[in-house]
C-alpha cells in the first residue's frame, strides 16, 4: 500500500474500511493510481477505483462481480468516470453493502 499514489492512500484513509466491513484487494500492485475495494466477506465482489489523470478528489470506478472460478473471471456491473468522493461512496455502499 505504501507504493500507491498519495491520492489512493488518502482515499483509503477516508473510507474507514474496517467499520464498513470492506477490505483492500489489490490485483494491480504495479498501478500506483488504482486500488480494489471489496466486501471483507466476499473478496471477488469489488470496486476497482482509479485516480489516474484525475483532478484532486475525482475518481473513475468499475464494479465487478465474480463470473467463474478464476480471479480473472468477472463481469462488470457498473462503471463511472470523474465522480466525486460522495458519488464514489454511494457506489461503494450500493455495490458492497
Protein backbone atom coordinates (compact mmCIF):
# COMPACT_ATOMS: atom_id res chain seq x y z
CA UNK A 1 0.00 0.00 0.00
CA UNK A 2 2.91 2.35 0.64
CA UNK A 3 3.84 2.27 -3.06
CA UNK A 4 0.49 3.79 -4.06
CA UNK A 5 -0.04 7.36 -5.16
CA UNK A 6 -0.99 9.79 -2.40
CA UNK A 7 -4.47 10.17 -3.88
CA UNK A 8 -5.14 6.44 -3.36
CA UNK A 9 -3.67 6.42 0.14
CA UNK A 10 -5.84 9.40 1.08
CA UNK A 11 -8.97 7.76 -0.36
CA UNK A 12 -8.38 4.54 1.59
CA UNK A 13 -7.86 6.56 4.76
CA UNK A 14 -11.16 8.39 4.31
CA UNK A 15 -13.21 5.27 3.65
CA UNK A 16 -12.89 3.71 7.14
CA UNK A 17 -12.79 0.24 5.59
CA UNK A 18 -12.88 -1.79 8.79
CA UNK A 19 -16.01 -0.08 10.13
CA UNK A 20 -17.80 -0.68 6.84
CA UNK A 21 -16.69 -4.32 6.55
CA UNK A 22 -14.64 -3.62 3.42
CA UNK A 23 -11.08 -4.57 2.59
CA UNK A 24 -8.38 -3.85 0.04
CA UNK A 25 -7.98 -6.34 -2.80
CA UNK A 26 -5.05 -5.16 -4.85
CA UNK A 27 -4.70 -7.10 -8.10
CA UNK A 28 -2.99 -4.04 -9.57
CA UNK A 29 0.11 -3.56 -7.42
CA UNK A 30 2.01 -2.06 -10.35
CA UNK A 31 -0.74 0.53 -10.92
CA UNK A 32 0.09 3.13 -8.30
CA UNK A 33 -3.11 5.10 -9.01
CA UNK A 34 -5.58 2.22 -8.56
CA UNK A 35 -6.94 0.01 -5.81
CA UNK A 36 -9.61 -2.62 -5.41
CA UNK A 37 -12.07 -2.38 -2.55
CA UNK A 38 -14.17 -5.43 -1.69
CA UNK A 39 -16.51 -6.82 0.91
CA UNK A 40 -14.31 -8.40 3.56
CA UNK A 41 -16.50 -11.50 3.38
CA UNK A 42 -16.67 -11.57 -0.43
CA UNK A 43 -13.31 -10.53 -1.94
CA UNK A 44 -14.40 -11.09 -5.54
CA UNK A 45 -17.27 -8.59 -5.28
CA UNK A 46 -15.24 -5.43 -5.63
CA UNK A 47 -14.97 -1.91 -6.90
CA UNK A 48 -11.83 -1.01 -8.81
CA UNK A 49 -11.05 2.67 -8.21
CA UNK A 50 -8.57 4.74 -10.19
CA UNK A 51 -7.26 8.27 -9.68
CA UNK A 52 -5.06 8.23 -12.77
CA UNK A 53 -5.08 11.56 -14.65
CA UNK A 54 -7.89 12.91 -12.43
CA UNK A 55 -8.24 16.22 -10.66
CA UNK A 56 -7.91 16.04 -6.88
CA UNK A 57 -10.96 14.35 -5.35
CA UNK A 58 -12.21 12.81 -8.60
CA UNK A 59 -12.32 9.08 -9.37
CA UNK A 60 -13.05 6.50 -12.04
CA UNK A 61 -14.53 3.19 -10.94
CA UNK A 62 -15.64 -0.20 -12.17
CA UNK A 63 -17.91 -2.54 -10.17
CA UNK A 64 -17.02 -6.20 -10.62
CA UNK A 65 -18.77 -9.49 -9.83
CA UNK A 66 -17.27 -12.98 -9.97
CA UNK A 67 -18.44 -14.96 -13.01
CA UNK A 68 -16.28 -18.08 -12.76
CA UNK A 69 -13.69 -19.85 -10.62
CA UNK A 70 -10.58 -17.86 -11.63
CA UNK A 71 -9.81 -14.40 -10.29
CA UNK A 72 -9.83 -13.10 -13.87
CA UNK A 73 -13.41 -14.37 -14.36
CA UNK A 74 -15.64 -11.39 -13.65
CA UNK A 75 -18.42 -9.32 -15.15
CA UNK A 76 -18.72 -5.57 -14.99
CA UNK A 77 -21.81 -4.49 -13.07
CA UNK A 78 -21.26 -0.75 -13.46
CA UNK A 79 -18.69 1.92 -14.15
CA UNK A 80 -18.23 5.64 -13.93
CA UNK A 81 -15.72 8.34 -14.76
CA UNK A 82 -14.88 11.56 -12.99
CA UNK A 83 -17.11 11.05 -9.96
CA UNK A 84 -16.73 12.88 -6.66
CA UNK A 85 -15.88 11.24 -3.35
CA UNK A 86 -19.53 11.36 -2.27
CA UNK A 87 -20.68 9.74 -5.52
CA UNK A 88 -17.99 7.06 -5.20
CA UNK A 89 -19.03 6.38 -1.60
CA UNK A 90 -22.63 5.83 -2.77
CA UNK A 91 -21.43 3.38 -5.43
CA UNK A 92 -19.28 1.51 -2.92
CA UNK A 93 -22.14 1.28 -0.41
CA UNK A 94 -24.60 0.10 -3.05
CA UNK A 95 -22.26 -2.48 -4.62
CA UNK A 96 -20.51 -3.75 -1.50
CA UNK A 97 -23.26 -3.30 1.08
